[in-house]
Amino acid sequence: MDPMLEIAWMTYAGARVNRTAISRSDCSGAAMLRDAPDPGPPSSTNGHSVSHDSPPEPLTSSPGTPLRGRLRPPGDKSISHRAMILGLLSEGETRVEGLLEGDDVLRTAAAAKALGASVERLDAGRWRVRGVGIGGLGDPADVLDFGNAGTGSRLMMGVVGGQPVTATFDGDASLRSRPMRRILDPLTRMGTQVLTEAEGGRVPLTLRGPKEAIPITYETPAASAQIKSAVLLAGLNAPGTTTVIEAAATRDHTERMLRLFGAAVEVVSHGPEGHGRSIALTGQPTLRGTDVVVPADPSSAAFPLVAALIVPGSDVVIEGVMMNPLRTGLITTLLEMGAEIERIAERDEGGETVADLRVRASRLKGVDVPAERAPAMIDEYPVLAVAASFAEGRTRMNGLHELRVKESDRLAAVAAGLATNGVRHTVEGDDLVVEGDGAAARGGGTVATYLDHRIAMAFLVMGLATRDPVTVDDGAMIATSFPTFLPTMRALGGRIGA
């Protein structure tokens, strides 16, 4: 099969897995936890991707029996994106095991192919990328459409911005609303030309990279791994050292994977209690294709994990979860809240520490979550807010300004979802305060998801333990990060349906 058609087929499959799972009534048994239903080939060469302009697909979750069983969440989305991107920029062959085959990552795979890589799906989660090396990219023949993928689009802007190519970036309505100026500002200092852009520096926009990028020292204005990564990826084609300075350390997958592919990267901690970091990349290395094993995504694991904590009588094992300390803020917080989470079978996979997590239903108490923990759990705050609504006492989540520039204004979306389900809360500046009484939240509301997969999954988790069912207005976008969420939760015993 032509590689581009293969990618189109997989994009179709990611969406169809989600839609098929909604209508199935027999999603029980351990096999459903690891093998999504086979959607069959697309009916046309256009395939079928998750479209945020298509009719919404409401979903409702209801309280029922305890959750029991084992599961392995999808591969980590952050590492999956970077495996495709660094495979593109490498010489030779990169083989990826456990790739997340959600719509976001498949958009990045399609962009890598459009820029010159050979991209081939070998089997479920197994991919091969033959790269073109730094400086070897070609102008894509068409617009790079990233759908809903904020990470993929921003990281690839760093790639294009540092290479002598011209490319246009676009996406769905949600991506078009998200700010890109924070990425474009450092890139223009490195020699990138912004030829066209939508109002406010948003997509659709067209970038032209220089023959060689200019090495810079850049202090990020916000704790954002996407900003850091875009600058470092552009710096790969700079004749010198590119340095990024962070006041608070963000997830370090880019640094780790650059080393894995052969780049020289030096990381130095600084600032109060060593929370800050300086990352220095030596430019114009020769990256070599390598093998990448993608561990299970802690951000996806967060949903069955919290569900097991709040549904009475639950006992669930979540396999192979990445334990990178810059990604485990949610687990740290839940343990402080009294969660019964046992880390077992700790091991190394693909340069990251992973472990199986045994999670039992627990009585939670409210805690104060420090702002400096936000970078280690930025995607998990919606489901943490759900956990807090079942805890006894006040949970205060501090410093959530980055939630306002995610797939939606997640802070506002979470607050609205809590309100419609009878949970007492306040938003104080960039802080979210949730008041729980240690009992099941009322539920019964319909939550506006604003095309945000994490809002949808968080409130479907809530409905598994509330007194009344919870409905989300659209679940189609769940396929962007967790295509098997519905069959996974149903196989554990969760009641979720259309």
Protein backbone atom coordinates (compact mmCIF):
# COMPACT_ATOMS: atom_id res chain seq x y z
CA MET A 1 0.00 0.00 0.00
CA ASP A 2 1.25 3.53 -0.77
CA PRO A 3 2.67 5.06 2.45
CA MET A 4 0.45 8.13 2.21
CA LEU A 5 -2.64 5.98 1.80
CA GLU A 6 -1.42 3.93 4.77
CA ILE A 7 -1.42 7.08 6.89
CA ALA A 8 -4.87 8.04 5.62
CA TRP A 9 -6.12 4.54 6.50
CA MET A 10 -4.75 4.83 10.01
CA THR A 11 -6.31 8.24 10.52
CA TYR A 12 -9.59 6.68 9.45
CA ALA A 13 -8.99 3.78 11.82
CA GLY A 14 -8.38 6.04 14.78
CA ALA A 15 -11.71 7.75 14.24
CA ARG A 16 -13.61 4.56 13.46
CA VAL A 17 -12.29 2.77 16.55
CA ASN A 18 -13.90 5.50 18.58
CA ARG A 19 -17.18 5.43 16.69
CA THR A 20 -17.37 1.64 16.60
CA ALA A 21 -16.79 1.41 20.32
CA ILE A 22 -19.73 3.71 21.04
CA SER A 23 -22.22 1.36 19.42
CA ARG A 24 -20.84 -1.96 20.65
CA SER A 25 -22.68 -3.76 23.44
CA ASP A 26 -20.16 -6.59 23.88
CA CYS A 27 -17.07 -4.59 24.93
CA SER A 28 -16.18 -6.86 27.84
CA GLY A 29 -13.20 -9.13 28.42
CA ALA A 30 -9.50 -8.54 28.76
CA ALA A 31 -8.87 -8.72 25.03
CA MET A 32 -10.71 -5.44 24.51
CA LEU A 33 -8.11 -3.70 26.66
CA ARG A 34 -5.29 -4.30 24.19
CA ASP A 35 -6.92 -4.85 20.80
CA ALA A 36 -9.20 -2.20 19.36
CA PRO A 37 -11.89 -3.35 16.92
CA ASP A 38 -10.62 -3.64 13.36
CA PRO A 39 -12.46 -0.94 11.38
CA GLY A 40 -11.62 -2.44 7.98
CA PRO A 41 -10.18 -0.44 5.11
CA PRO A 42 -11.60 2.95 4.15
CA SER A 43 -14.31 3.01 1.53
CA SER A 44 -12.41 5.60 -0.50
CA THR A 45 -8.86 6.84 -0.81
CA ASN A 46 -9.86 9.93 1.13
CA GLY A 47 -10.08 7.91 4.34
CA HIS A 48 -12.03 9.27 7.29
CA SER A 49 -10.41 11.37 9.99
CA VAL A 50 -11.81 12.92 13.12
CA SER A 51 -13.50 16.09 11.91
CA HIS A 52 -14.48 18.80 14.33
CA ASP A 53 -16.91 20.18 11.76
CA SER A 54 -18.91 16.92 11.73
CA PRO A 55 -22.06 16.38 13.84
CA PRO A 56 -21.30 15.97 17.57
CA GLU A 57 -21.44 12.56 19.20
CA PRO A 58 -22.79 12.94 22.76
CA LEU A 59 -21.84 10.30 25.33
CA THR A 60 -23.25 9.52 28.76
CA SER A 61 -21.56 7.75 31.68
CA SER A 62 -23.50 6.23 34.56
CA PRO A 63 -22.64 4.80 37.99
CA GLY A 64 -22.57 1.03 38.21
CA THR A 65 -20.38 -1.79 39.47
CA PRO A 66 -16.76 -1.52 40.69
CA LEU A 67 -14.06 -1.29 38.05
CA ARG A 68 -11.84 -4.38 37.86
CA GLY A 69 -9.10 -5.63 35.53
CA ARG A 70 -5.82 -4.75 33.85
CA LEU A 71 -5.10 -2.39 30.98
CA ARG A 72 -2.21 -0.79 29.13
CA PRO A 73 -2.93 2.79 28.04
CA PRO A 74 -1.91 4.00 24.58
CA GLY A 75 1.67 4.98 23.87
CA ASP A 76 2.76 8.36 25.17
CA LYS A 77 1.67 11.13 22.82
CA SER A 78 4.64 13.40 23.51
CA ILE A 79 7.18 10.69 22.69
CA SER A 80 5.18 9.49 19.68
CA HIS A 81 5.25 12.98 18.12
CA ARG A 82 8.98 13.33 18.75
CA ALA A 83 9.79 9.86 17.39
CA MET A 84 8.24 10.82 14.05
CA ILE A 85 9.93 14.23 13.97
CA LEU A 86 13.41 13.00 14.89
CA GLY A 87 13.00 10.07 12.51
CA LEU A 88 12.41 12.65 9.76
CA LEU A 89 15.56 14.60 10.73
CA SER A 90 17.79 11.52 11.02
CA GLU A 91 19.87 9.63 8.53
CA GLY A 92 18.93 5.97 8.20
CA GLU A 93 16.00 4.05 9.64
CA THR A 94 14.03 4.64 12.82
CA ARG A 95 11.75 1.90 14.11
CA VAL A 96 9.05 2.81 16.60
CA GLU A 97 7.25 0.32 18.85
CA GLY A 98 4.07 1.27 20.72
CA LEU A 99 3.32 4.45 18.76
CA LEU A 100 0.09 6.16 19.74
CA GLU A 101 -2.10 5.77 16.66
CA GLY A 102 -4.42 8.64 17.50
CA ASP A 103 -5.34 11.39 15.08
CA ASP A 104 -2.85 13.92 16.52
CA VAL A 105 0.20 11.70 16.01
CA LEU A 106 -0.97 10.52 12.59
CA ARG A 107 -1.10 14.16 11.48
CA THR A 108 2.55 14.51 12.51
CA ALA A 109 3.38 11.32 10.60
CA ALA A 110 1.67 12.71 7.51
CA ALA A 111 3.62 15.98 7.85
CA ALA A 112 6.91 14.07 8.18
CA LYS A 113 6.14 12.28 4.91
CA ALA A 114 5.14 15.53 3.21
CA LEU A 115 8.54 16.99 4.18
CA GLY A 116 10.42 14.08 2.61
CA ALA A 117 10.54 11.11 4.99
CA SER A 118 9.46 7.59 4.08
CA VAL A 119 6.82 6.64 6.67
CA GLU A 120 5.43 3.12 6.85
CA ARG A 121 3.14 1.32 9.27
CA LEU A 122 4.39 -2.24 9.80
CA ASP A 123 1.78 -3.44 12.30
CA ALA A 124 -0.34 -2.13 15.17
CA GLY A 125 1.84 0.44 16.91
CA ARG A 126 4.93 -0.54 14.85
CA TRP A 127 6.22 2.05 12.39
CA ARG A 128 9.31 2.62 10.28
CA VAL A 129 10.64 6.05 9.30
CA ARG A 130 13.49 6.62 6.85
CA GLY A 131 14.67 10.17 7.35
CA VAL A 132 16.29 12.80 5.15
CA GLY A 133 18.75 14.25 7.67
CA ILE A 134 19.17 17.83 8.88
CA GLY A 135 19.04 20.16 5.88
CA GLY A 136 17.47 17.51 3.64
CA LEU A 137 13.80 18.50 3.93
CA GLY A 138 11.79 19.43 0.85
CA ASP A 139 8.91 21.86 0.43
CA PRO A 140 5.60 20.03 0.98
CA ALA A 141 3.26 19.93 -2.01
CA ASP A 142 0.24 20.90 0.09
CA VAL A 143 -0.78 22.50 3.37
CA LEU A 144 0.34 20.67 6.52
CA ASP A 145 -3.04 20.06 8.18
CA PHE A 146 -2.54 19.24 11.87
CA GLY A 147 -6.22 18.90 12.77
CA ASN A 148 -6.39 19.35 16.55
CA ALA A 149 -2.69 18.63 17.23
CA GLY A 150 -1.20 21.56 19.13
CA THR A 151 1.98 19.70 20.05
CA GLY A 152 2.60 18.33 16.56
CA SER A 153 2.02 21.68 14.87
CA ARG A 154 4.19 23.70 17.24
CA LEU A 155 7.08 21.25 17.23
CA MET A 156 6.99 20.98 13.44
CA MET A 157 7.05 24.78 13.22
CA GLY A 158 10.39 24.55 14.99
CA VAL A 159 11.58 21.99 12.45
CA VAL A 160 10.48 24.03 9.41
CA GLY A 161 11.61 27.29 11.01
CA GLY A 162 15.20 26.05 11.17
CA GLN A 163 15.41 24.47 7.70
CA PRO A 164 15.59 25.97 4.18
CA VAL A 165 11.98 25.04 3.31
CA THR A 166 8.63 26.80 3.02
CA ALA A 167 5.47 25.27 4.49
CA THR A 168 1.93 26.32 5.37
CA PHE A 169 0.38 25.13 8.65
CA ASP A 170 -3.34 24.80 9.31
CA GLY A 171 -5.75 22.87 11.50
CA ASP A 172 -9.31 22.60 12.72
CA ALA A 173 -11.38 25.34 14.37
CA SER A 174 -9.87 24.58 17.77
CA LEU A 175 -6.26 24.76 16.54
CA ARG A 176 -7.02 27.96 14.62
CA SER A 177 -8.03 29.59 17.91
CA ARG A 178 -4.78 28.71 19.73
CA PRO A 179 -1.91 31.20 20.04
CA MET A 180 1.24 30.52 18.03
CA ARG A 181 3.02 33.84 18.62
CA ARG A 182 4.91 32.34 21.56
CA ILE A 183 6.48 29.92 19.07
CA LEU A 184 6.98 32.42 16.24
CA ASP A 185 8.77 35.04 18.36
CA PRO A 186 11.90 32.96 19.09
CA LEU A 187 11.86 31.42 15.61
CA THR A 188 11.99 34.84 13.92
CA ARG A 189 15.06 35.62 16.05
CA MET A 190 16.60 32.46 14.57
CA GLY A 191 15.98 33.63 10.99
CA THR A 192 12.52 32.23 10.26
CA GLN A 193 10.31 34.33 8.01
CA VAL A 194 6.57 34.42 8.72
CA LEU A 195 5.18 34.95 5.22
CA THR A 196 1.48 34.83 6.12
CA GLU A 197 -0.46 34.41 9.33
CA ALA A 198 -4.00 34.70 10.63
CA GLU A 199 -4.85 37.45 13.09
CA GLY A 200 -2.87 37.24 16.30
CA GLY A 201 -0.22 34.93 14.88
CA ARG A 202 -2.58 31.98 14.49
CA VAL A 203 -2.91 29.32 11.81
CA PRO A 204 -3.22 29.22 8.89
CA LEU A 205 0.32 30.56 8.62
CA THR A 206 3.26 30.08 6.27
CA LEU A 207 6.89 29.84 7.39
CA ARG A 208 10.12 30.01 5.39
CA GLY A 209 13.23 28.79 7.15
CA PRO A 210 16.80 30.03 6.58
CA LYS A 211 19.68 28.17 4.97
CA GLU A 212 21.14 27.96 8.47
CA ALA A 213 19.35 28.93 11.68
CA ILE A 214 20.86 31.55 13.99
CA PRO A 215 21.89 30.09 17.37
CA ILE A 216 20.29 32.02 20.23
CA THR A 217 19.91 31.97 24.00
CA TYR A 218 16.21 32.13 24.80
CA GLU A 219 14.45 32.45 28.14
CA THR A 220 10.95 31.03 27.83
CA PRO A 221 8.18 33.43 28.95
CA ALA A 222 6.06 30.53 30.24
CA ALA A 223 6.65 26.98 31.44
CA SER A 224 6.04 25.27 28.10
CA ALA A 225 7.75 22.19 26.72
CA GLN A 226 6.37 23.12 23.31
CA ILE A 227 8.23 26.45 23.23
CA LYS A 228 11.44 24.84 24.45
CA SER A 229 11.18 22.00 21.95
CA ALA A 230 10.45 24.25 18.98
CA VAL A 231 13.57 26.33 19.71
CA LEU A 232 15.77 23.26 20.15
CA LEU A 233 14.46 21.63 16.97
CA ALA A 234 15.16 24.82 15.01
CA GLY A 235 18.61 24.93 16.62
CA LEU A 236 19.52 21.59 15.08
CA ASN A 237 20.40 23.47 11.89
CA ALA A 238 22.30 26.30 13.63
CA PRO A 239 26.12 26.50 13.44
CA GLY A 240 26.68 26.93 17.15
CA THR A 241 24.98 26.42 20.49
CA THR A 242 21.30 27.10 21.03
CA THR A 243 20.33 27.51 24.69
CA VAL A 244 16.88 27.53 26.27
CA ILE A 245 16.47 28.78 29.83
CA GLU A 246 13.42 27.70 31.85
CA ALA A 247 12.41 29.20 35.18
CA ALA A 248 10.55 25.96 35.90
CA ALA A 249 11.55 22.64 34.35
CA THR A 250 9.08 21.21 31.84
CA ARG A 251 8.81 17.68 30.45
CA ASP A 252 12.21 16.73 29.08
CA HIS A 253 11.37 14.23 26.32
CA THR A 254 12.93 16.37 23.59
CA GLU A 255 16.28 16.55 25.39
CA ARG A 256 16.28 12.83 26.14
CA MET A 257 15.36 11.83 22.61
CA LEU A 258 17.82 14.21 20.98
CA ARG A 259 20.57 12.41 22.91
CA LEU A 260 19.13 9.04 21.86
CA PHE A 261 19.44 10.08 18.21
CA GLY A 262 23.01 11.34 18.67
CA ALA A 263 22.82 15.06 19.47
CA ALA A 264 24.95 16.70 22.16
CA VAL A 265 22.66 18.25 24.79
CA GLU A 266 23.78 19.65 28.15
CA VAL A 267 21.24 20.27 30.91
CA VAL A 268 22.06 22.32 34.02
CA SER A 269 19.68 22.95 36.94
CA HIS A 270 19.49 26.42 38.45
CA GLY A 271 17.29 28.75 40.45
CA PRO A 272 15.45 28.22 43.75
CA GLU A 273 15.69 24.55 44.80
CA GLY A 274 16.95 23.71 41.30
CA HIS A 275 13.50 24.08 39.71
CA GLY A 276 14.89 25.92 36.68
CA ARG A 277 16.94 24.44 33.86
CA SER A 278 19.24 25.56 31.06
CA ILE A 279 19.36 23.29 28.02
CA ALA A 280 22.23 23.79 25.57
CA LEU A 281 22.17 22.04 22.17
CA THR A 282 25.19 21.84 19.90
CA GLY A 283 23.91 22.52 16.41
CA GLN A 284 24.31 20.66 13.12
CA PRO A 285 24.84 17.17 14.52
CA THR A 286 24.39 14.06 12.42
CA LEU A 287 21.31 12.35 13.82
CA ARG A 288 21.18 8.59 13.32
CA GLY A 289 17.98 6.59 13.04
CA THR A 290 17.40 4.38 16.05
CA ASP A 291 14.83 2.16 17.78
CA VAL A 292 12.26 3.88 19.98
CA VAL A 293 10.01 2.03 22.42
CA VAL A 294 7.11 4.28 23.44
CA PRO A 295 5.98 3.79 27.06
CA ALA A 296 2.34 4.12 28.11
CA ASP A 297 1.11 7.70 28.34
CA PRO A 298 0.68 8.94 31.94
CA SER A 299 -1.79 11.57 30.71
CA SER A 300 -4.02 8.85 29.25
CA ALA A 301 -3.47 6.59 32.28
CA ALA A 302 -4.84 9.41 34.45
CA PHE A 303 -8.44 8.70 33.40
CA PRO A 304 -8.76 5.01 34.40
CA LEU A 305 -6.56 5.79 37.42
CA VAL A 306 -8.91 8.44 38.81
CA ALA A 307 -11.93 6.34 37.86
CA ALA A 308 -10.58 3.46 39.97
CA LEU A 309 -10.06 5.83 42.91
CA ILE A 310 -13.58 7.29 42.94
CA VAL A 311 -15.74 4.29 41.98
CA PRO A 312 -16.35 2.34 45.22
CA GLY A 313 -14.83 -1.14 45.39
CA SER A 314 -12.59 -0.72 42.34
CA ASP A 315 -9.23 -2.50 41.93
CA VAL A 316 -7.36 -1.87 38.66
CA VAL A 317 -3.81 -2.47 37.38
CA ILE A 318 -2.49 -0.02 34.77
CA GLU A 319 0.54 -1.45 32.96
CA GLY A 320 3.74 0.16 31.70
CA VAL A 321 3.08 3.77 32.75
CA MET A 322 5.94 6.23 32.26
CA MET A 323 7.38 7.38 35.60
CA ASN A 324 9.44 10.32 34.34
CA PRO A 325 9.45 12.70 37.35
CA LEU A 326 8.49 15.60 35.09
CA ARG A 327 5.28 13.73 34.19
CA THR A 328 4.15 12.30 37.55
CA GLY A 329 2.72 15.39 39.23
CA LEU A 330 -0.78 13.89 39.26
CA ILE A 331 0.38 10.72 41.03
CA THR A 332 2.29 12.81 43.59
CA THR A 333 -0.81 14.91 44.23
CA LEU A 334 -3.19 11.95 44.48
CA LEU A 335 -0.87 10.21 46.95
CA GLU A 336 -0.97 13.38 49.08
CA MET A 337 -4.77 13.17 48.88
CA GLY A 338 -4.69 9.64 50.33
CA ALA A 339 -4.93 7.62 47.12
CA GLU A 340 -4.01 3.96 47.29
CA ILE A 341 -1.62 3.68 44.34
CA GLU A 342 1.04 0.98 44.42
CA ARG A 343 4.00 1.13 42.02
CA ILE A 344 5.05 -2.39 40.99
CA ALA A 345 7.39 -4.03 38.43
CA GLU A 346 9.44 -0.88 37.88
CA ARG A 347 11.68 -1.17 34.81
CA ASP A 348 13.27 0.70 31.90
CA GLU A 349 11.66 0.99 28.46
CA GLY A 350 13.09 3.15 25.69
CA GLY A 351 15.20 5.29 28.02
CA GLU A 352 12.31 6.01 30.40
CA THR A 353 11.44 4.42 33.73
CA VAL A 354 8.04 2.71 33.64
CA ALA A 355 5.99 0.83 36.21
CA ASP A 356 2.69 -0.97 36.63
CA LEU A 357 0.27 0.84 38.95
CA ARG A 358 -2.22 -0.97 41.14
CA VAL A 359 -5.03 1.44 42.02
CA ARG A 360 -7.78 0.80 44.59
CA ALA A 361 -10.80 2.89 45.48
CA SER A 362 -9.78 5.39 48.18
CA ARG A 363 -11.13 8.03 50.52
CA LEU A 364 -9.52 11.25 49.33
CA LYS A 365 -8.93 14.49 51.19
CA GLY A 366 -8.42 17.99 49.85
CA VAL A 367 -4.89 19.36 49.44
CA ASP A 368 -3.08 22.47 48.25
CA VAL A 369 -1.34 21.85 44.90
CA PRO A 370 1.68 24.17 44.43
CA ALA A 371 2.02 26.17 41.22
CA GLU A 372 5.50 24.81 40.57
CA ARG A 373 4.00 21.34 40.10
CA ALA A 374 1.90 22.47 37.13
CA PRO A 375 4.44 21.62 34.39
CA ALA A 376 4.54 18.00 35.62
CA MET A 377 0.76 17.58 35.35
CA ILE A 378 -0.53 20.30 33.02
CA ASP A 379 -2.77 17.91 31.04
CA GLU A 380 -4.12 16.18 34.14
CA TYR A 381 -5.83 19.09 35.91
CA PRO A 382 -9.30 18.39 34.43
CA VAL A 383 -9.35 14.85 35.85
CA LEU A 384 -7.71 16.04 39.11
CA ALA A 385 -10.62 18.47 39.48
CA VAL A 386 -12.95 15.48 39.11
CA ALA A 387 -11.07 13.59 41.84
CA ALA A 388 -11.21 16.69 44.07
CA SER A 389 -14.99 16.82 43.73
CA PHE A 390 -15.16 13.43 45.53
CA ALA A 391 -12.58 14.36 48.19
CA GLU A 392 -13.32 15.61 51.69
CA GLY A 393 -12.42 19.25 52.08
CA ARG A 394 -10.91 21.93 49.88
CA THR A 395 -8.48 21.26 47.03
CA ARG A 396 -6.72 24.33 45.72
CA MET A 397 -4.89 24.08 42.38
CA ASN A 398 -2.56 27.05 41.99
CA GLY A 399 -1.05 28.69 38.92
CA LEU A 400 -3.14 27.24 36.10
CA HIS A 401 -2.62 30.03 33.54
CA GLU A 402 -1.30 27.54 30.95
CA LEU A 403 -4.70 25.79 30.97
CA ARG A 404 -6.16 28.83 29.27
CA VAL A 405 -4.19 28.17 26.05
CA LYS A 406 -4.73 24.43 25.61
CA GLU A 407 -7.22 22.81 23.19
CA SER A 408 -9.83 24.95 24.95
CA ASP A 409 -9.67 27.41 27.83
CA ARG A 410 -9.49 24.36 30.06
CA LEU A 411 -9.77 26.33 33.27
CA ALA A 412 -13.09 27.84 32.20
CA ALA A 413 -14.27 24.53 30.70
CA VAL A 414 -13.50 22.57 33.87
CA ALA A 415 -15.25 25.18 36.01
CA ALA A 416 -18.35 25.06 33.81
CA GLY A 417 -18.38 21.24 33.91
CA LEU A 418 -18.15 21.23 37.70
CA ALA A 419 -20.94 23.80 37.96
CA THR A 420 -23.39 21.86 35.78
CA ASN A 421 -22.82 18.77 37.95
CA GLY A 422 -23.39 20.46 41.29
CA VAL A 423 -19.79 20.72 42.50
CA ARG A 424 -18.93 23.75 44.63
CA HIS A 425 -15.91 25.58 43.28
CA THR A 426 -14.40 28.98 42.60
CA VAL A 427 -11.91 30.35 40.10
CA GLU A 428 -9.63 32.92 41.71
CA GLY A 429 -7.40 34.41 39.05
CA ASP A 430 -5.46 31.42 37.69
CA ASP A 431 -6.32 29.20 40.68
CA LEU A 432 -9.10 26.63 40.84
CA VAL A 433 -10.62 25.75 44.23
CA VAL A 434 -12.87 22.69 44.50
CA GLU A 435 -14.94 21.97 47.61
CA GLY A 436 -15.81 18.33 48.29
CA ASP A 437 -17.67 16.66 51.14
CA GLY A 438 -16.21 13.17 50.75
CA ALA A 439 -19.36 11.84 49.10
CA ALA A 440 -20.44 11.24 45.52
CA ALA A 441 -20.99 14.41 43.52
CA ARG A 442 -24.53 15.02 42.28
CA GLY A 443 -23.88 14.75 38.53
CA GLY A 444 -26.81 14.93 36.16
CA GLY A 445 -25.36 17.68 33.97
CA THR A 446 -24.41 18.00 30.31
CA VAL A 447 -20.83 19.21 29.87
CA ALA A 448 -19.67 21.39 26.97
CA THR A 449 -16.36 19.89 25.82
CA TYR A 450 -15.29 22.70 23.45
CA LEU A 451 -13.69 20.11 21.14
CA ASP A 452 -11.30 19.13 23.96
CA HIS A 453 -10.58 15.41 24.38
CA ARG A 454 -9.39 15.74 27.99
CA ILE A 455 -12.50 17.61 29.08
CA ALA A 456 -14.63 14.87 27.50
CA MET A 457 -12.76 12.01 29.18
CA ALA A 458 -12.53 13.73 32.58
CA PHE A 459 -16.28 14.22 32.89
CA LEU A 460 -17.08 10.76 31.54
CA VAL A 461 -14.92 9.50 34.41
CA MET A 462 -16.93 11.68 36.80
CA GLY A 463 -20.21 10.12 35.65
CA LEU A 464 -19.01 6.64 36.64
CA ALA A 465 -19.27 7.65 40.31
CA THR A 466 -21.83 10.48 40.55
CA ARG A 467 -25.35 9.98 41.88
CA ASP A 468 -26.84 10.80 38.46
CA PRO A 469 -25.37 10.16 34.97
CA VAL A 470 -23.14 12.75 33.31
CA THR A 471 -23.33 13.60 29.59
CA VAL A 472 -20.65 15.22 27.43
CA ASP A 473 -21.82 17.03 24.30
CA ASP A 474 -19.24 15.42 21.99
CA GLY A 475 -16.89 12.47 22.38
CA ALA A 476 -15.55 12.18 18.83
CA MET A 477 -12.32 14.05 19.58
CA ILE A 478 -11.29 11.46 22.21
CA ALA A 479 -9.69 9.57 19.30
CA THR A 480 -7.01 12.25 19.02
CA SER A 481 -5.17 10.89 22.09
CA PHE A 482 -6.92 7.75 23.42
CA PRO A 483 -8.64 5.93 20.52
CA THR A 484 -9.52 2.91 22.70
CA PHE A 485 -10.81 4.87 25.70
CA LEU A 486 -14.39 3.62 25.40
CA PRO A 487 -13.70 -0.10 24.98
CA THR A 488 -11.02 0.14 27.68
CA MET A 489 -13.36 1.69 30.24
CA ARG A 490 -16.19 -0.68 29.30
CA ALA A 491 -13.94 -3.70 29.69
CA LEU A 492 -13.19 -2.55 33.24
CA GLY A 493 -16.92 -2.39 33.93
CA GLY A 494 -17.62 1.28 33.22
CA ARG A 495 -21.03 2.20 31.84
CA ILE A 496 -20.50 4.65 28.96
CA GLY A 497 -22.77 4.82 25.94
CA ALA A 498 -24.34 7.05 23.36
